[in-house]
N, C-alpha and C. Protein backbone atom coordinates (compact mmCIF):
# COMPACT_ATOMS: atom_id res chain seq x y z
N TYR A 1 -39.71 16.22 -6.64
CA TYR A 1 -38.30 15.99 -6.94
C TYR A 1 -38.01 14.50 -6.86
N VAL A 2 -37.47 13.97 -7.91
CA VAL A 2 -37.10 12.55 -7.96
C VAL A 2 -35.58 12.48 -7.99
N GLU A 3 -35.03 11.78 -7.02
CA GLU A 3 -33.57 11.66 -6.93
C GLU A 3 -33.08 10.67 -7.99
N PRO A 4 -32.01 11.04 -8.72
CA PRO A 4 -31.50 10.13 -9.75
C PRO A 4 -30.87 8.89 -9.12
N PRO A 5 -30.81 7.81 -9.86
CA PRO A 5 -30.19 6.59 -9.30
C PRO A 5 -28.70 6.80 -9.07
N PRO A 6 -28.12 6.07 -8.10
CA PRO A 6 -26.69 6.25 -7.83
C PRO A 6 -25.85 5.79 -9.01
N ALA A 7 -24.71 6.41 -9.14
CA ALA A 7 -23.80 6.07 -10.23
C ALA A 7 -23.16 4.71 -9.97
N ALA A 8 -22.81 4.05 -11.04
CA ALA A 8 -22.16 2.74 -10.92
C ALA A 8 -20.75 2.92 -10.36
N PHE A 9 -20.30 1.95 -9.59
CA PHE A 9 -18.95 2.00 -9.01
C PHE A 9 -17.90 1.95 -10.11
N ILE A 10 -18.05 1.03 -11.03
CA ILE A 10 -17.17 0.91 -12.18
C ILE A 10 -18.06 0.81 -13.42
N GLY A 11 -17.84 1.71 -14.35
CA GLY A 11 -18.62 1.67 -15.58
C GLY A 11 -18.12 0.56 -16.49
N ILE A 12 -19.01 0.02 -17.27
CA ILE A 12 -18.65 -1.05 -18.20
C ILE A 12 -17.63 -0.55 -19.23
N ASP A 13 -17.76 0.69 -19.67
CA ASP A 13 -16.84 1.24 -20.65
C ASP A 13 -15.43 1.42 -20.07
N GLU A 14 -15.33 1.53 -18.74
CA GLU A 14 -14.03 1.70 -18.12
C GLU A 14 -13.17 0.44 -18.19
N LEU A 15 -13.81 -0.72 -18.30
CA LEU A 15 -13.07 -1.99 -18.37
C LEU A 15 -12.27 -2.12 -19.67
N GLY A 16 -12.56 -1.33 -20.65
CA GLY A 16 -11.83 -1.38 -21.91
C GLY A 16 -10.70 -0.37 -22.01
N LYS A 17 -10.47 0.39 -20.97
CA LYS A 17 -9.45 1.44 -21.02
C LYS A 17 -8.16 0.96 -20.34
N TRP A 18 -7.03 1.36 -20.92
CA TRP A 18 -5.73 0.99 -20.39
C TRP A 18 -5.48 1.67 -19.04
N SER A 19 -5.99 2.85 -18.82
CA SER A 19 -5.74 3.56 -17.56
C SER A 19 -6.30 2.80 -16.36
N PHE A 20 -7.40 2.07 -16.54
CA PHE A 20 -7.96 1.27 -15.46
C PHE A 20 -6.99 0.15 -15.07
N TYR A 21 -6.46 -0.55 -16.07
CA TYR A 21 -5.55 -1.65 -15.79
C TYR A 21 -4.21 -1.16 -15.29
N ARG A 22 -3.77 -0.01 -15.76
CA ARG A 22 -2.52 0.58 -15.27
C ARG A 22 -2.65 0.94 -13.80
N ALA A 23 -3.78 1.50 -13.40
CA ALA A 23 -4.02 1.82 -12.00
C ALA A 23 -4.12 0.55 -11.16
N LEU A 24 -4.75 -0.47 -11.69
CA LEU A 24 -4.88 -1.74 -10.99
C LEU A 24 -3.51 -2.38 -10.76
N ILE A 25 -2.66 -2.38 -11.76
CA ILE A 25 -1.31 -2.93 -11.65
C ILE A 25 -0.48 -2.12 -10.66
N ALA A 26 -0.58 -0.80 -10.72
CA ALA A 26 0.17 0.05 -9.79
C ALA A 26 -0.23 -0.19 -8.35
N GLU A 27 -1.52 -0.31 -8.10
CA GLU A 27 -1.99 -0.57 -6.73
C GLU A 27 -1.55 -1.95 -6.25
N PHE A 28 -1.59 -2.94 -7.14
CA PHE A 28 -1.17 -4.29 -6.76
C PHE A 28 0.30 -4.32 -6.38
N ILE A 29 1.14 -3.72 -7.21
CA ILE A 29 2.58 -3.72 -6.94
C ILE A 29 2.89 -2.92 -5.68
N ALA A 30 2.23 -1.77 -5.49
CA ALA A 30 2.48 -0.96 -4.31
C ALA A 30 2.04 -1.69 -3.04
N THR A 31 0.91 -2.37 -3.08
CA THR A 31 0.45 -3.13 -1.92
C THR A 31 1.39 -4.29 -1.64
N LEU A 32 1.84 -4.96 -2.69
CA LEU A 32 2.78 -6.06 -2.52
C LEU A 32 4.08 -5.58 -1.89
N LEU A 33 4.63 -4.49 -2.37
CA LEU A 33 5.87 -3.95 -1.80
C LEU A 33 5.68 -3.48 -0.37
N PHE A 34 4.55 -2.84 -0.11
CA PHE A 34 4.28 -2.35 1.25
C PHE A 34 4.27 -3.51 2.24
N LEU A 35 3.51 -4.55 1.93
CA LEU A 35 3.41 -5.68 2.85
C LEU A 35 4.72 -6.45 2.93
N TYR A 36 5.41 -6.62 1.82
CA TYR A 36 6.65 -7.37 1.81
C TYR A 36 7.71 -6.70 2.68
N ILE A 37 7.93 -5.42 2.49
CA ILE A 37 8.99 -4.72 3.22
C ILE A 37 8.64 -4.60 4.70
N THR A 38 7.42 -4.24 5.01
CA THR A 38 7.07 -4.03 6.42
C THR A 38 7.02 -5.34 7.20
N VAL A 39 6.52 -6.39 6.59
CA VAL A 39 6.50 -7.69 7.28
C VAL A 39 7.92 -8.21 7.46
N LEU A 40 8.78 -8.02 6.46
CA LEU A 40 10.18 -8.41 6.61
C LEU A 40 10.88 -7.63 7.72
N THR A 41 10.51 -6.38 7.91
CA THR A 41 11.09 -5.59 9.00
C THR A 41 10.69 -6.18 10.35
N VAL A 42 9.44 -6.54 10.49
CA VAL A 42 8.97 -7.13 11.75
C VAL A 42 9.62 -8.49 11.98
N ILE A 43 9.71 -9.31 10.94
CA ILE A 43 10.34 -10.63 11.08
C ILE A 43 11.81 -10.47 11.43
N GLY A 44 12.49 -9.56 10.77
CA GLY A 44 13.90 -9.32 11.07
C GLY A 44 14.11 -8.83 12.49
N TYR A 45 13.24 -7.98 12.96
CA TYR A 45 13.35 -7.49 14.34
C TYR A 45 13.15 -8.64 15.32
N LYS A 46 12.15 -9.49 15.06
CA LYS A 46 11.88 -10.60 15.96
C LYS A 46 13.05 -11.58 16.00
N SER A 47 13.64 -11.87 14.84
CA SER A 47 14.74 -12.84 14.82
C SER A 47 16.01 -12.27 15.42
N GLN A 48 16.27 -10.97 15.27
CA GLN A 48 17.46 -10.37 15.84
C GLN A 48 17.31 -10.15 17.34
N SER A 49 16.11 -9.77 17.79
CA SER A 49 15.94 -9.52 19.21
C SER A 49 15.87 -10.80 20.02
N ALA A 50 15.64 -11.95 19.36
CA ALA A 50 15.62 -13.22 20.07
C ALA A 50 17.02 -13.61 20.52
N THR A 51 18.04 -13.28 19.74
CA THR A 51 19.41 -13.63 20.09
C THR A 51 20.12 -12.50 20.83
N ASP A 52 19.82 -11.27 20.49
CA ASP A 52 20.48 -10.11 21.11
C ASP A 52 19.41 -9.08 21.47
N PRO A 53 19.20 -8.81 22.77
CA PRO A 53 18.13 -7.87 23.14
C PRO A 53 18.36 -6.45 22.62
N CYS A 54 19.58 -6.09 22.32
CA CYS A 54 19.86 -4.75 21.80
C CYS A 54 20.01 -4.73 20.29
N GLY A 55 19.80 -5.85 19.64
CA GLY A 55 19.95 -5.93 18.19
C GLY A 55 18.66 -5.60 17.48
N GLY A 56 18.77 -5.32 16.22
CA GLY A 56 17.59 -5.04 15.41
C GLY A 56 17.23 -3.57 15.38
N VAL A 57 16.19 -3.30 14.66
CA VAL A 57 15.79 -1.91 14.47
C VAL A 57 14.95 -1.37 15.61
N GLY A 58 14.30 -2.24 16.35
CA GLY A 58 13.45 -1.80 17.45
C GLY A 58 12.07 -1.40 16.98
N ILE A 59 11.24 -1.06 17.93
CA ILE A 59 9.87 -0.67 17.63
C ILE A 59 9.83 0.61 16.81
N LEU A 60 10.72 1.54 17.11
CA LEU A 60 10.75 2.79 16.35
C LEU A 60 11.17 2.55 14.89
N GLY A 61 12.08 1.60 14.67
CA GLY A 61 12.48 1.26 13.31
C GLY A 61 11.34 0.64 12.52
N ILE A 62 10.53 -0.16 13.19
CA ILE A 62 9.36 -0.74 12.53
C ILE A 62 8.39 0.36 12.14
N ALA A 63 8.17 1.30 13.03
CA ALA A 63 7.27 2.42 12.73
C ALA A 63 7.81 3.25 11.57
N TRP A 64 9.12 3.49 11.53
CA TRP A 64 9.72 4.23 10.43
C TRP A 64 9.60 3.46 9.12
N ALA A 65 9.70 2.13 9.18
CA ALA A 65 9.56 1.33 7.97
C ALA A 65 8.14 1.44 7.41
N PHE A 66 7.14 1.36 8.28
CA PHE A 66 5.76 1.48 7.82
C PHE A 66 5.50 2.88 7.26
N GLY A 67 5.88 3.90 8.01
CA GLY A 67 5.65 5.28 7.55
C GLY A 67 6.42 5.61 6.30
N GLY A 68 7.67 5.17 6.23
CA GLY A 68 8.50 5.46 5.06
C GLY A 68 7.99 4.76 3.82
N MET A 69 7.54 3.53 3.97
CA MET A 69 7.01 2.81 2.82
C MET A 69 5.72 3.45 2.31
N ILE A 70 4.86 3.84 3.22
CA ILE A 70 3.62 4.52 2.77
C ILE A 70 3.96 5.82 2.05
N PHE A 71 4.89 6.58 2.60
CA PHE A 71 5.29 7.84 1.98
C PHE A 71 5.81 7.63 0.56
N VAL A 72 6.74 6.70 0.41
CA VAL A 72 7.37 6.45 -0.89
C VAL A 72 6.35 5.89 -1.89
N LEU A 73 5.56 4.93 -1.46
CA LEU A 73 4.63 4.30 -2.39
C LEU A 73 3.48 5.22 -2.80
N VAL A 74 2.98 6.01 -1.88
CA VAL A 74 1.93 6.97 -2.26
C VAL A 74 2.51 8.02 -3.20
N TYR A 75 3.73 8.46 -2.94
CA TYR A 75 4.37 9.43 -3.82
C TYR A 75 4.55 8.85 -5.23
N CYS A 76 4.91 7.57 -5.31
CA CYS A 76 5.16 6.94 -6.61
C CYS A 76 3.87 6.64 -7.37
N THR A 77 2.79 6.33 -6.68
CA THR A 77 1.57 5.90 -7.37
C THR A 77 0.47 6.96 -7.39
N ALA A 78 0.71 8.11 -6.82
CA ALA A 78 -0.34 9.12 -6.76
C ALA A 78 -0.76 9.60 -8.15
N GLY A 79 0.17 9.73 -9.04
CA GLY A 79 -0.16 10.18 -10.39
C GLY A 79 -0.79 9.11 -11.26
N ILE A 80 -0.64 7.86 -10.89
CA ILE A 80 -1.17 6.76 -11.70
C ILE A 80 -2.55 6.34 -11.22
N SER A 81 -2.66 6.09 -9.90
CA SER A 81 -3.91 5.53 -9.39
C SER A 81 -4.47 6.28 -8.20
N GLY A 82 -3.87 7.36 -7.82
CA GLY A 82 -4.37 8.10 -6.67
C GLY A 82 -3.64 7.76 -5.38
N GLY A 83 -2.81 6.74 -5.38
CA GLY A 83 -2.01 6.40 -4.22
C GLY A 83 -2.80 5.82 -3.06
N HIS A 84 -3.85 5.08 -3.34
CA HIS A 84 -4.64 4.46 -2.27
C HIS A 84 -4.14 3.04 -2.04
N ILE A 85 -3.06 2.93 -1.27
CA ILE A 85 -2.52 1.61 -0.97
C ILE A 85 -3.53 0.94 -0.04
N ASN A 86 -4.11 -0.17 -0.47
CA ASN A 86 -5.28 -0.74 0.20
C ASN A 86 -5.09 -1.00 1.70
N PRO A 87 -4.04 -1.70 2.17
CA PRO A 87 -3.94 -1.93 3.61
C PRO A 87 -3.79 -0.63 4.41
N ALA A 88 -3.22 0.39 3.81
CA ALA A 88 -3.05 1.66 4.51
C ALA A 88 -4.40 2.37 4.66
N VAL A 89 -5.25 2.25 3.66
CA VAL A 89 -6.54 2.92 3.70
C VAL A 89 -7.52 2.18 4.60
N THR A 90 -7.56 0.86 4.48
CA THR A 90 -8.53 0.10 5.25
C THR A 90 -8.00 -0.16 6.64
């Protein structure tokens, strides 16, 4: 028994298809939105809690921002690219 060689990660013929680039664009935009919104939540919490200890969203609000963004972005991109938002997966 001779084991066949492993399949290529990306086929050369796939580079000519629009679906590949559409998935690439969807993942890029979803990753950009995920990082932008969640980092802004953390920055906003830090700046508000520096002046008022009871101000801001708190640690639970940051957790809800991360979870909510992953939920929304995976739901939006699942049909296009599978919804593998890179920072969430890695």
